[in-house]
Amino acid sequence: MFHKEGYKIISITLVLFLGANVASYVAIQNNELQIAIFVLTLVFLFLILQFFRNPKRKTEVNDKTVVSPVDGKVVVIEEVFEKEHFNDKRLQVSIFMSPINVHVTRHPINGEVIFSKYHPGKYLVAWHPKASEENERTTVVVKNNLIEVLYRQIAGALAKRIVNYAEEGEKVVQGSDSGFIKFGSRVDVFLPIGTEVNVSLNQKVKGGESIIANL
């Protein structure tokens, strides 16, 4: 299964793959060169298909847990001052996505979207300390009776487009599709101080399945 954000790029890549190989078969008499072109274009096609894959995830919906919004590796767990929405100290858990990770963003909790905002910005590497404030990003806040969670999609040096489906006033289900980041980046999750974190630094997590915090 592939994510809808990849349909156009996958279609173009397939056309290029077929076109390049048909052209090489017609115009090139060198079998070794034909094979090389086939292998190179096949690898490129595989990478595109791999990037836009959208595997089904079995989210155990539970109001007393916060699930990871994305696949990747936990790179930050620290107390910070969150100044865009809360204006107070929060516990930040940051997850870095490499180009080979699934790039679907999922809602970490059940609830209502009470804040959703896009910010244009730079394309610093995703692990840069200023990336959370200076890079292109979207900020979404979901609230229910137990918790209010902010998560921020952050573009990286390779990520040139962030897609965010969350709309203010919308009721969302934990683990459901919230957006997509094209070509590598990071997501920051901001939790209330004192929240029991269920992950550790450098731990790999799966979006919609791995529990990053317990309430």
N, C-alpha and C. Protein backbone atom coordinates (compact mmCIF):
# COMPACT_ATOMS: atom_id res chain seq x y z
N MET A 1 0.84 -1.20 0.00
CA MET A 1 0.00 0.00 0.00
C MET A 1 0.88 1.25 0.00
N PHE A 2 0.51 2.23 -0.81
CA PHE A 2 1.28 3.46 -0.91
C PHE A 2 0.43 4.65 -0.46
N HIS A 3 1.11 5.68 0.07
CA HIS A 3 0.41 6.86 0.55
C HIS A 3 -0.04 7.70 -0.64
N LYS A 4 -1.19 8.34 -0.50
CA LYS A 4 -1.75 9.13 -1.60
C LYS A 4 -0.83 10.27 -2.02
N GLU A 5 0.02 10.75 -1.11
CA GLU A 5 0.94 11.83 -1.46
C GLU A 5 1.98 11.38 -2.49
N GLY A 6 2.13 10.08 -2.64
CA GLY A 6 3.14 9.57 -3.57
C GLY A 6 2.60 9.18 -4.93
N TYR A 7 1.27 9.20 -5.11
CA TYR A 7 0.69 8.70 -6.36
C TYR A 7 1.27 9.39 -7.60
N LYS A 8 1.37 10.71 -7.57
CA LYS A 8 1.85 11.46 -8.73
C LYS A 8 3.32 11.14 -9.01
N ILE A 9 4.15 11.18 -7.97
CA ILE A 9 5.58 10.92 -8.14
C ILE A 9 5.82 9.49 -8.59
N ILE A 10 5.06 8.54 -8.02
CA ILE A 10 5.21 7.13 -8.42
C ILE A 10 4.83 6.96 -9.89
N SER A 11 3.76 7.60 -10.33
CA SER A 11 3.33 7.50 -11.73
C SER A 11 4.39 8.05 -12.67
N ILE A 12 4.95 9.22 -12.32
CA ILE A 12 6.00 9.82 -13.16
C ILE A 12 7.23 8.92 -13.21
N THR A 13 7.59 8.36 -12.05
CA THR A 13 8.76 7.49 -11.98
C THR A 13 8.56 6.23 -12.83
N LEU A 14 7.36 5.66 -12.80
CA LEU A 14 7.08 4.48 -13.62
C LEU A 14 7.19 4.79 -15.11
N VAL A 15 6.67 5.96 -15.51
CA VAL A 15 6.76 6.36 -16.92
C VAL A 15 8.22 6.54 -17.32
N LEU A 16 9.01 7.19 -16.46
CA LEU A 16 10.44 7.38 -16.76
C LEU A 16 11.17 6.05 -16.82
N PHE A 17 10.82 5.14 -15.91
CA PHE A 17 11.44 3.82 -15.88
C PHE A 17 11.19 3.08 -17.19
N LEU A 18 9.92 3.06 -17.60
CA LEU A 18 9.57 2.36 -18.84
C LEU A 18 10.18 3.05 -20.06
N GLY A 19 10.11 4.39 -20.07
CA GLY A 19 10.63 5.14 -21.20
C GLY A 19 12.13 4.96 -21.38
N ALA A 20 12.87 5.03 -20.26
CA ALA A 20 14.32 4.89 -20.33
C ALA A 20 14.72 3.51 -20.82
N ASN A 21 14.01 2.49 -20.37
CA ASN A 21 14.40 1.13 -20.75
C ASN A 21 13.96 0.77 -22.17
N VAL A 22 12.82 1.29 -22.61
CA VAL A 22 12.40 1.08 -23.99
C VAL A 22 13.37 1.79 -24.93
N ALA A 23 13.75 3.02 -24.57
CA ALA A 23 14.68 3.79 -25.40
C ALA A 23 16.04 3.11 -25.47
N SER A 24 16.50 2.57 -24.34
CA SER A 24 17.81 1.90 -24.34
C SER A 24 17.76 0.62 -25.18
N TYR A 25 16.63 -0.07 -25.16
CA TYR A 25 16.47 -1.31 -25.95
C TYR A 25 16.48 -1.00 -27.45
N VAL A 26 15.85 0.12 -27.81
CA VAL A 26 15.75 0.48 -29.24
C VAL A 26 17.04 1.11 -29.76
N ALA A 27 17.62 2.01 -28.95
CA ALA A 27 18.73 2.82 -29.45
C ALA A 27 20.11 2.29 -29.13
N ILE A 28 20.22 1.41 -28.13
CA ILE A 28 21.54 0.95 -27.69
C ILE A 28 21.70 -0.53 -28.01
N GLN A 29 22.80 -0.86 -28.65
CA GLN A 29 23.05 -2.25 -29.02
C GLN A 29 23.93 -2.98 -28.01
N ASN A 30 24.46 -2.24 -27.06
CA ASN A 30 25.34 -2.81 -26.05
C ASN A 30 24.52 -3.42 -24.92
N ASN A 31 24.56 -4.77 -24.81
CA ASN A 31 23.75 -5.43 -23.79
C ASN A 31 24.14 -5.04 -22.37
N GLU A 32 25.43 -4.88 -22.13
CA GLU A 32 25.89 -4.52 -20.79
C GLU A 32 25.37 -3.15 -20.39
N LEU A 33 25.38 -2.22 -21.34
CA LEU A 33 24.87 -0.87 -21.06
C LEU A 33 23.36 -0.91 -20.83
N GLN A 34 22.65 -1.72 -21.59
CA GLN A 34 21.20 -1.87 -21.39
C GLN A 34 20.90 -2.40 -19.99
N ILE A 35 21.68 -3.39 -19.59
CA ILE A 35 21.49 -3.96 -18.24
C ILE A 35 21.79 -2.94 -17.16
N ALA A 36 22.84 -2.14 -17.36
CA ALA A 36 23.21 -1.11 -16.38
C ALA A 36 22.10 -0.08 -16.23
N ILE A 37 21.53 0.35 -17.36
CA ILE A 37 20.42 1.32 -17.33
C ILE A 37 19.22 0.72 -16.62
N PHE A 38 18.93 -0.55 -16.92
CA PHE A 38 17.80 -1.22 -16.28
C PHE A 38 17.98 -1.29 -14.76
N VAL A 39 19.18 -1.68 -14.34
CA VAL A 39 19.45 -1.82 -12.91
C VAL A 39 19.35 -0.48 -12.19
N LEU A 40 19.95 0.56 -12.77
CA LEU A 40 19.93 1.89 -12.16
C LEU A 40 18.50 2.43 -12.04
N THR A 41 17.74 2.31 -13.11
CA THR A 41 16.36 2.82 -13.07
C THR A 41 15.48 1.98 -12.16
N LEU A 42 15.76 0.68 -12.06
CA LEU A 42 15.00 -0.18 -11.15
C LEU A 42 15.28 0.19 -9.70
N VAL A 43 16.53 0.46 -9.39
CA VAL A 43 16.90 0.87 -8.03
C VAL A 43 16.19 2.18 -7.67
N PHE A 44 16.19 3.13 -8.62
CA PHE A 44 15.53 4.41 -8.37
C PHE A 44 14.03 4.21 -8.14
N LEU A 45 13.41 3.38 -8.95
CA LEU A 45 11.98 3.09 -8.79
C LEU A 45 11.72 2.45 -7.44
N PHE A 46 12.57 1.52 -7.04
CA PHE A 46 12.41 0.84 -5.75
C PHE A 46 12.49 1.84 -4.60
N LEU A 47 13.44 2.79 -4.67
CA LEU A 47 13.59 3.78 -3.61
C LEU A 47 12.36 4.66 -3.49
N ILE A 48 11.78 5.05 -4.63
CA ILE A 48 10.58 5.88 -4.61
C ILE A 48 9.40 5.10 -4.02
N LEU A 49 9.23 3.85 -4.44
CA LEU A 49 8.15 3.02 -3.90
C LEU A 49 8.34 2.80 -2.40
N GLN A 50 9.59 2.56 -2.00
CA GLN A 50 9.89 2.32 -0.60
C GLN A 50 9.59 3.56 0.25
N PHE A 51 9.90 4.74 -0.29
CA PHE A 51 9.70 5.97 0.48
C PHE A 51 8.23 6.26 0.72
N PHE A 52 7.39 6.00 -0.29
CA PHE A 52 5.97 6.36 -0.16
C PHE A 52 5.11 5.20 0.34
N ARG A 53 5.72 4.15 0.84
CA ARG A 53 4.93 3.04 1.38
C ARG A 53 4.12 3.50 2.59
N ASN A 54 2.98 2.89 2.76
CA ASN A 54 2.08 3.26 3.85
C ASN A 54 1.54 1.98 4.50
N PRO A 55 2.38 1.29 5.27
CA PRO A 55 1.94 0.02 5.87
C PRO A 55 0.81 0.22 6.87
N LYS A 56 -0.07 -0.76 6.95
CA LYS A 56 -1.15 -0.68 7.94
C LYS A 56 -0.56 -0.87 9.33
N ARG A 57 -1.03 -0.08 10.26
CA ARG A 57 -0.57 -0.17 11.64
C ARG A 57 -1.76 -0.48 12.55
N LYS A 58 -1.52 -1.38 13.50
CA LYS A 58 -2.57 -1.75 14.45
C LYS A 58 -2.39 -0.94 15.73
N THR A 59 -3.09 0.18 15.79
CA THR A 59 -3.01 1.04 16.97
C THR A 59 -3.96 0.53 18.04
N GLU A 60 -3.43 0.25 19.22
CA GLU A 60 -4.27 -0.11 20.36
C GLU A 60 -4.76 1.20 20.99
N VAL A 61 -5.93 1.64 20.54
CA VAL A 61 -6.45 2.94 20.96
C VAL A 61 -6.69 2.94 22.46
N ASN A 62 -6.06 3.90 23.14
CA ASN A 62 -6.13 3.97 24.60
C ASN A 62 -5.91 5.42 25.02
N ASP A 63 -6.89 5.99 25.71
CA ASP A 63 -6.78 7.39 26.14
C ASP A 63 -5.68 7.61 27.17
N LYS A 64 -5.14 6.54 27.72
CA LYS A 64 -4.11 6.68 28.75
C LYS A 64 -2.69 6.49 28.19
N THR A 65 -2.57 6.48 26.86
CA THR A 65 -1.25 6.37 26.24
C THR A 65 -1.09 7.43 25.15
N VAL A 66 0.17 7.74 24.86
CA VAL A 66 0.52 8.60 23.73
C VAL A 66 1.38 7.76 22.80
N VAL A 67 0.93 7.58 21.56
CA VAL A 67 1.71 6.76 20.62
C VAL A 67 2.61 7.65 19.77
N SER A 68 3.66 7.06 19.25
CA SER A 68 4.57 7.81 18.40
C SER A 68 3.85 8.25 17.13
N PRO A 69 3.99 9.51 16.74
CA PRO A 69 3.33 9.97 15.51
C PRO A 69 4.03 9.51 14.24
N VAL A 70 5.31 9.09 14.36
CA VAL A 70 6.07 8.71 13.17
C VAL A 70 7.03 7.55 13.47
N ASP A 71 7.56 6.97 12.41
CA ASP A 71 8.64 6.00 12.52
C ASP A 71 9.97 6.76 12.65
N GLY A 72 10.91 6.18 13.37
CA GLY A 72 12.22 6.81 13.45
C GLY A 72 12.95 6.47 14.72
N LYS A 73 13.90 7.34 15.08
CA LYS A 73 14.73 7.12 16.27
C LYS A 73 14.57 8.30 17.22
N VAL A 74 14.41 8.00 18.50
CA VAL A 74 14.28 9.05 19.52
C VAL A 74 15.64 9.72 19.71
N VAL A 75 15.69 11.02 19.46
CA VAL A 75 16.97 11.73 19.54
C VAL A 75 17.01 12.78 20.65
N VAL A 76 15.84 13.14 21.19
CA VAL A 76 15.79 14.14 22.26
C VAL A 76 14.71 13.76 23.26
N ILE A 77 15.07 13.82 24.55
CA ILE A 77 14.09 13.74 25.64
C ILE A 77 14.55 14.77 26.67
N GLU A 78 13.86 15.89 26.74
CA GLU A 78 14.31 16.95 27.64
C GLU A 78 13.18 17.94 27.94
N GLU A 79 13.35 18.69 29.03
CA GLU A 79 12.41 19.75 29.37
C GLU A 79 12.80 21.01 28.60
N VAL A 80 11.81 21.63 27.98
CA VAL A 80 12.05 22.86 27.22
C VAL A 80 10.92 23.85 27.48
N PHE A 81 11.13 25.09 27.08
CA PHE A 81 10.06 26.09 27.16
C PHE A 81 9.40 26.14 25.79
N GLU A 82 8.13 25.78 25.73
CA GLU A 82 7.38 25.78 24.46
C GLU A 82 6.64 27.12 24.37
N LYS A 83 7.04 27.94 23.41
CA LYS A 83 6.53 29.31 23.38
C LYS A 83 5.50 29.62 22.30
N GLU A 84 5.19 28.65 21.45
CA GLU A 84 4.22 28.94 20.40
C GLU A 84 2.78 28.82 20.87
N HIS A 85 2.50 27.82 21.70
CA HIS A 85 1.12 27.57 22.12
C HIS A 85 0.96 27.56 23.65
N PHE A 86 1.79 26.78 24.34
CA PHE A 86 1.61 26.62 25.78
C PHE A 86 2.21 27.77 26.60
N ASN A 87 3.32 28.32 26.13
CA ASN A 87 4.03 29.35 26.87
C ASN A 87 4.42 28.89 28.28
N ASP A 88 4.85 27.66 28.37
CA ASP A 88 5.36 27.14 29.64
C ASP A 88 6.29 25.97 29.36
N LYS A 89 6.81 25.36 30.40
CA LYS A 89 7.73 24.24 30.23
C LYS A 89 6.97 22.98 29.85
N ARG A 90 7.56 22.23 28.94
CA ARG A 90 7.00 20.96 28.48
C ARG A 90 8.11 19.94 28.35
N LEU A 91 7.71 18.70 28.30
CA LEU A 91 8.66 17.61 28.07
C LEU A 91 8.67 17.32 26.58
N GLN A 92 9.82 17.52 25.95
CA GLN A 92 9.93 17.33 24.50
C GLN A 92 10.54 15.96 24.19
N VAL A 93 9.87 15.23 23.30
CA VAL A 93 10.39 13.97 22.77
C VAL A 93 10.50 14.16 21.26
N SER A 94 11.71 14.08 20.74
CA SER A 94 11.93 14.30 19.31
C SER A 94 12.30 12.99 18.62
N ILE A 95 11.70 12.77 17.46
CA ILE A 95 11.93 11.55 16.69
C ILE A 95 12.47 11.93 15.31
N PHE A 96 13.66 11.42 15.00
CA PHE A 96 14.30 11.71 13.72
C PHE A 96 13.98 10.61 12.72
N MET A 97 13.58 11.03 11.52
CA MET A 97 13.26 10.10 10.44
C MET A 97 14.34 10.15 9.37
N SER A 98 14.88 9.00 9.02
CA SER A 98 15.83 8.93 7.91
C SER A 98 15.04 8.74 6.63
N PRO A 99 15.67 8.91 5.47
CA PRO A 99 14.93 8.73 4.21
C PRO A 99 14.33 7.33 4.02
N ILE A 100 14.83 6.34 4.76
CA ILE A 100 14.30 4.98 4.58
C ILE A 100 13.13 4.68 5.52
N ASN A 101 12.80 5.59 6.42
CA ASN A 101 11.66 5.38 7.31
C ASN A 101 10.34 5.65 6.60
N VAL A 102 9.26 5.08 7.12
CA VAL A 102 7.92 5.46 6.68
C VAL A 102 7.69 6.91 7.11
N HIS A 103 7.16 7.73 6.22
CA HIS A 103 7.05 9.16 6.51
C HIS A 103 5.62 9.65 6.75
N VAL A 104 4.72 8.73 7.01
CA VAL A 104 3.35 9.10 7.39
C VAL A 104 3.38 9.65 8.81
N THR A 105 2.66 10.74 9.04
CA THR A 105 2.49 11.28 10.39
C THR A 105 1.11 10.87 10.90
N ARG A 106 1.06 10.41 12.16
CA ARG A 106 -0.20 9.91 12.73
C ARG A 106 -0.53 10.67 14.02
N HIS A 107 -1.84 10.74 14.32
CA HIS A 107 -2.26 11.42 15.54
C HIS A 107 -1.82 10.62 16.76
N PRO A 108 -1.12 11.24 17.71
CA PRO A 108 -0.62 10.51 18.88
C PRO A 108 -1.68 10.18 19.92
N ILE A 109 -2.81 10.91 19.92
CA ILE A 109 -3.88 10.65 20.89
C ILE A 109 -5.24 10.85 20.22
N ASN A 110 -6.28 10.38 20.90
CA ASN A 110 -7.65 10.72 20.51
C ASN A 110 -7.93 12.15 20.97
N GLY A 111 -8.86 12.81 20.31
CA GLY A 111 -9.27 14.12 20.80
C GLY A 111 -9.70 15.06 19.71
N GLU A 112 -9.67 16.35 20.04
CA GLU A 112 -10.05 17.41 19.11
C GLU A 112 -8.83 18.25 18.77
N VAL A 113 -8.68 18.54 17.49
CA VAL A 113 -7.60 19.43 17.06
C VAL A 113 -8.00 20.85 17.45
N ILE A 114 -7.24 21.45 18.36
CA ILE A 114 -7.57 22.81 18.81
C ILE A 114 -6.61 23.85 18.25
N PHE A 115 -5.56 23.40 17.58
CA PHE A 115 -4.59 24.34 17.01
C PHE A 115 -3.89 23.65 15.85
N SER A 116 -3.78 24.34 14.72
CA SER A 116 -3.07 23.79 13.57
C SER A 116 -2.54 24.96 12.74
N LYS A 117 -1.21 25.04 12.63
CA LYS A 117 -0.62 26.19 11.95
C LYS A 117 0.62 25.80 11.16
N TYR A 118 0.73 26.35 9.96
CA TYR A 118 1.89 26.13 9.10
C TYR A 118 2.83 27.33 9.20
N HIS A 119 4.14 27.05 9.24
CA HIS A 119 5.16 28.10 9.28
C HIS A 119 6.15 27.89 8.15
N PRO A 120 6.29 28.82 7.22
CA PRO A 120 7.37 28.71 6.24
C PRO A 120 8.70 28.91 6.95
N GLY A 121 9.78 28.45 6.36
CA GLY A 121 11.07 28.61 7.02
C GLY A 121 12.23 28.05 6.25
N LYS A 122 13.32 27.82 6.97
CA LYS A 122 14.56 27.34 6.37
C LYS A 122 14.54 25.82 6.22
N TYR A 123 15.65 25.28 5.73
CA TYR A 123 15.81 23.83 5.57
C TYR A 123 17.13 23.38 6.19
N LEU A 124 17.32 23.76 7.46
CA LEU A 124 18.50 23.29 8.18
C LEU A 124 18.39 21.78 8.37
N VAL A 125 19.52 21.11 8.60
CA VAL A 125 19.44 19.68 8.88
C VAL A 125 18.53 19.46 10.08
N ALA A 126 17.77 18.37 10.06
CA ALA A 126 16.70 18.16 11.04
C ALA A 126 17.20 18.12 12.48
N TRP A 127 18.47 17.70 12.69
CA TRP A 127 18.96 17.61 14.07
C TRP A 127 19.57 18.92 14.56
N HIS A 128 19.56 19.97 13.74
CA HIS A 128 20.10 21.26 14.15
C HIS A 128 19.28 21.82 15.30
N PRO A 129 19.93 22.40 16.34
CA PRO A 129 19.20 22.93 17.50
C PRO A 129 18.14 23.96 17.14
N LYS A 130 18.35 24.71 16.07
CA LYS A 130 17.41 25.76 15.69
C LYS A 130 16.33 25.27 14.73
N ALA A 131 16.40 24.00 14.30
CA ALA A 131 15.45 23.51 13.30
C ALA A 131 14.01 23.63 13.76
N SER A 132 13.77 23.38 15.05
CA SER A 132 12.41 23.41 15.59
C SER A 132 11.77 24.78 15.50
N GLU A 133 12.59 25.84 15.45
CA GLU A 133 12.06 27.20 15.44
C GLU A 133 12.26 27.90 14.10
N GLU A 134 13.23 27.46 13.29
CA GLU A 134 13.56 28.20 12.08
C GLU A 134 13.20 27.47 10.78
N ASN A 135 13.06 26.15 10.83
CA ASN A 135 12.74 25.42 9.61
C ASN A 135 11.27 25.51 9.25
N GLU A 136 10.96 25.17 8.00
CA GLU A 136 9.56 25.01 7.62
C GLU A 136 8.94 23.96 8.53
N ARG A 137 7.74 24.20 9.04
CA ARG A 137 7.16 23.30 10.03
C ARG A 137 5.65 23.51 10.13
N THR A 138 4.98 22.53 10.72
CA THR A 138 3.58 22.70 11.11
C THR A 138 3.45 22.31 12.57
N THR A 139 2.59 23.00 13.26
CA THR A 139 2.33 22.71 14.67
C THR A 139 0.86 22.33 14.83
N VAL A 140 0.63 21.19 15.48
CA VAL A 140 -0.74 20.71 15.71
C VAL A 140 -0.89 20.39 17.19
N VAL A 141 -2.03 20.78 17.77
CA VAL A 141 -2.33 20.46 19.16
C VAL A 141 -3.65 19.69 19.21
N VAL A 142 -3.61 18.53 19.85
CA VAL A 142 -4.80 17.71 20.04
C VAL A 142 -5.08 17.62 21.53
N LYS A 143 -6.35 17.77 21.90
CA LYS A 143 -6.74 17.80 23.31
C LYS A 143 -7.88 16.83 23.57
N ASN A 144 -7.79 16.13 24.70
CA ASN A 144 -8.93 15.34 25.18
C ASN A 144 -9.10 15.58 26.67
N ASN A 145 -9.89 14.76 27.35
CA ASN A 145 -10.18 15.01 28.76
C ASN A 145 -8.98 14.78 29.68
N LEU A 146 -7.95 14.09 29.17
CA LEU A 146 -6.81 13.74 30.02
C LEU A 146 -5.55 14.54 29.72
N ILE A 147 -5.37 14.93 28.47
CA ILE A 147 -4.08 15.52 28.09
C ILE A 147 -4.23 16.42 26.87
N GLU A 148 -3.28 17.32 26.73
CA GLU A 148 -3.18 18.19 25.56
C GLU A 148 -1.78 17.99 25.00
N VAL A 149 -1.69 17.49 23.78
CA VAL A 149 -0.41 17.15 23.19
C VAL A 149 -0.15 18.02 21.95
N LEU A 150 1.03 18.61 21.90
CA LEU A 150 1.46 19.35 20.73
C LEU A 150 2.49 18.52 19.98
N TYR A 151 2.33 18.40 18.67
CA TYR A 151 3.38 17.76 17.89
C TYR A 151 3.68 18.63 16.68
N ARG A 152 4.96 18.65 16.31
CA ARG A 152 5.43 19.57 15.29
C ARG A 152 6.20 18.81 14.21
N GLN A 153 5.70 18.87 12.98
CA GLN A 153 6.41 18.31 11.83
C GLN A 153 7.46 19.34 11.40
N ILE A 154 8.70 18.90 11.27
CA ILE A 154 9.79 19.82 10.94
C ILE A 154 10.49 19.35 9.67
N ALA A 155 10.59 20.23 8.68
CA ALA A 155 11.31 19.90 7.46
C ALA A 155 12.80 19.83 7.74
N GLY A 156 13.52 19.05 6.94
CA GLY A 156 14.97 18.96 7.07
C GLY A 156 15.65 19.44 5.81
N ALA A 157 16.93 19.12 5.68
CA ALA A 157 17.69 19.56 4.51
C ALA A 157 17.15 18.94 3.22
N LEU A 158 16.59 17.72 3.33
CA LEU A 158 16.05 17.05 2.15
C LEU A 158 14.54 17.21 2.02
N ALA A 159 13.86 17.40 3.14
CA ALA A 159 12.40 17.50 3.10
C ALA A 159 11.98 18.86 2.56
N LYS A 160 11.32 18.88 1.43
CA LYS A 160 10.93 20.13 0.80
C LYS A 160 9.42 20.36 0.83
N ARG A 161 8.71 19.45 1.44
CA ARG A 161 7.27 19.68 1.54
C ARG A 161 6.69 18.94 2.72
N ILE A 162 5.96 19.68 3.55
CA ILE A 162 5.25 19.09 4.68
C ILE A 162 3.77 19.12 4.36
N VAL A 163 3.11 18.00 4.53
CA VAL A 163 1.66 17.92 4.31
C VAL A 163 0.99 17.69 5.66
N ASN A 164 0.02 18.54 5.98
CA ASN A 164 -0.68 18.45 7.26
C ASN A 164 -2.19 18.42 7.00
N TYR A 165 -2.85 17.36 7.44
CA TYR A 165 -4.29 17.22 7.24
C TYR A 165 -5.12 17.73 8.43
N ALA A 166 -4.48 17.95 9.57
CA ALA A 166 -5.22 18.30 10.79
C ALA A 166 -5.86 19.68 10.66
N GLU A 167 -7.14 19.76 10.93
CA GLU A 167 -7.87 21.02 10.88
C GLU A 167 -8.50 21.32 12.23
N GLU A 168 -8.44 22.56 12.64
CA GLU A 168 -8.99 22.95 13.94
C GLU A 168 -10.48 22.61 14.02
N GLY A 169 -10.85 22.02 15.15
CA GLY A 169 -12.24 21.62 15.36
C GLY A 169 -12.52 20.19 14.96
N GLU A 170 -11.57 19.56 14.30
CA GLU A 170 -11.75 18.18 13.83
C GLU A 170 -11.55 17.18 14.97
N LYS A 171 -12.40 16.16 15.03
CA LYS A 171 -12.23 15.07 15.99
C LYS A 171 -11.34 14.01 15.33
N VAL A 172 -10.29 13.60 16.04
CA VAL A 172 -9.35 12.66 15.44
C VAL A 172 -9.20 11.41 16.31
N VAL A 173 -8.78 10.34 15.66
CA VAL A 173 -8.60 9.06 16.34
C VAL A 173 -7.10 8.76 16.44
N GLN A 174 -6.68 8.30 17.59
CA GLN A 174 -5.29 7.94 17.83
C GLN A 174 -4.79 6.97 16.74
N GLY A 175 -3.64 7.30 16.15
CA GLY A 175 -3.05 6.45 15.13
C GLY A 175 -3.52 6.72 13.72
N SER A 176 -4.52 7.58 13.54
CA SER A 176 -5.02 7.87 12.19
C SER A 176 -4.08 8.84 11.47
N ASP A 177 -4.22 8.90 10.16
CA ASP A 177 -3.33 9.69 9.30
C ASP A 177 -3.49 11.18 9.58
N SER A 178 -2.36 11.82 9.90
CA SER A 178 -2.36 13.24 10.20
C SER A 178 -1.61 14.06 9.16
N GLY A 179 -0.78 13.40 8.35
CA GLY A 179 -0.02 14.14 7.36
C GLY A 179 1.13 13.31 6.80
N PHE A 180 2.05 14.01 6.14
CA PHE A 180 3.18 13.33 5.49
C PHE A 180 4.31 14.34 5.35
N ILE A 181 5.55 13.87 5.52
CA ILE A 181 6.72 14.71 5.29
C ILE A 181 7.54 14.07 4.18
N LYS A 182 7.81 14.80 3.12
CA LYS A 182 8.52 14.22 1.98
C LYS A 182 10.03 14.34 2.13
N PHE A 183 10.67 13.18 2.20
CA PHE A 183 12.12 13.04 2.16
C PHE A 183 12.85 13.46 3.43
N GLY A 184 12.57 12.78 4.51
CA GLY A 184 13.38 12.85 5.72
C GLY A 184 13.17 14.08 6.57
N SER A 185 13.08 13.92 7.88
CA SER A 185 12.92 15.06 8.76
C SER A 185 12.78 14.60 10.20
N ARG A 186 11.98 15.35 10.97
CA ARG A 186 11.83 15.06 12.38
C ARG A 186 10.48 15.56 12.88
N VAL A 187 10.00 14.92 13.95
CA VAL A 187 8.78 15.36 14.62
C VAL A 187 9.06 15.52 16.09
N ASP A 188 8.67 16.66 16.65
CA ASP A 188 8.78 16.93 18.08
C ASP A 188 7.42 16.76 18.72
N VAL A 189 7.39 16.08 19.87
CA VAL A 189 6.15 15.91 20.64
C VAL A 189 6.35 16.59 21.98
N PHE A 190 5.38 17.42 22.39
CA PHE A 190 5.48 18.15 23.64
C PHE A 190 4.40 17.66 24.61
N LEU A 191 4.86 17.17 25.76
CA LEU A 191 3.99 16.57 26.76
C LEU A 191 4.05 17.36 28.06
N PRO A 192 3.04 17.25 28.91
CA PRO A 192 3.08 17.94 30.21
C PRO A 192 4.27 17.44 31.05
N ILE A 193 4.85 18.36 31.81
CA ILE A 193 5.94 17.99 32.73
C ILE A 193 5.41 16.93 33.71
N GLY A 194 6.20 15.91 33.92
CA GLY A 194 5.79 14.84 34.84
C GLY A 194 5.19 13.64 34.13
N THR A 195 4.96 13.76 32.81
CA THR A 195 4.44 12.62 32.05
C THR A 195 5.45 11.48 32.07
N GLU A 196 4.96 10.26 32.24
CA GLU A 196 5.83 9.08 32.26
C GLU A 196 6.23 8.71 30.84
N VAL A 197 7.50 8.95 30.51
CA VAL A 197 8.00 8.64 29.17
C VAL A 197 8.33 7.16 29.07
N ASN A 198 7.92 6.56 27.98
CA ASN A 198 8.04 5.11 27.83
C ASN A 198 9.14 4.71 26.82
N VAL A 199 9.94 5.70 26.40
CA VAL A 199 11.01 5.42 25.44
C VAL A 199 12.32 5.98 25.98
N SER A 200 13.42 5.60 25.36
CA SER A 200 14.73 6.09 25.74
C SER A 200 15.47 6.62 24.52
N LEU A 201 16.53 7.36 24.74
CA LEU A 201 17.31 7.91 23.64
C LEU A 201 17.84 6.80 22.73
N ASN A 202 17.80 7.07 21.44
CA ASN A 202 18.28 6.16 20.38
C ASN A 202 17.37 4.95 20.16
N GLN A 203 16.24 4.91 20.86
CA GLN A 203 15.30 3.82 20.65
C GLN A 203 14.55 4.04 19.33
N LYS A 204 14.35 2.98 18.57
CA LYS A 204 13.58 3.05 17.34
C LYS A 204 12.10 2.85 17.65
N VAL A 205 11.26 3.66 17.04
CA VAL A 205 9.82 3.61 17.30
C VAL A 205 9.05 3.49 16.00
N LYS A 206 7.82 2.99 16.10
CA LYS A 206 6.93 2.87 14.95
C LYS A 206 5.72 3.78 15.15
N GLY A 207 5.42 4.56 14.14
CA GLY A 207 4.27 5.45 14.19
C GLY A 207 2.97 4.69 14.35
N GLY A 208 2.15 5.13 15.29
CA GLY A 208 0.84 4.52 15.51
C GLY A 208 0.87 3.27 16.36
N GLU A 209 2.06 2.75 16.68
CA GLU A 209 2.14 1.52 17.47
C GLU A 209 2.97 1.68 18.74
N SER A 210 4.13 2.29 18.64
CA SER A 210 5.00 2.42 19.81
C SER A 210 4.44 3.43 20.80
N ILE A 211 4.35 3.04 22.04
CA ILE A 211 3.85 3.95 23.09
C ILE A 211 5.03 4.76 23.60
N ILE A 212 4.96 6.08 23.43
CA ILE A 212 6.06 6.92 23.89
C ILE A 212 5.81 7.51 25.26
N ALA A 213 4.56 7.46 25.75
CA ALA A 213 4.27 7.99 27.08
C ALA A 213 3.00 7.36 27.64
N ASN A 214 2.97 7.23 28.96
CA ASN A 214 1.79 6.74 29.67
C ASN A 214 1.23 7.86 30.55
N LEU A 215 -0.08 7.90 30.66
CA LEU A 215 -0.72 8.92 31.48
C LEU A 215 -1.16 8.33 32.81
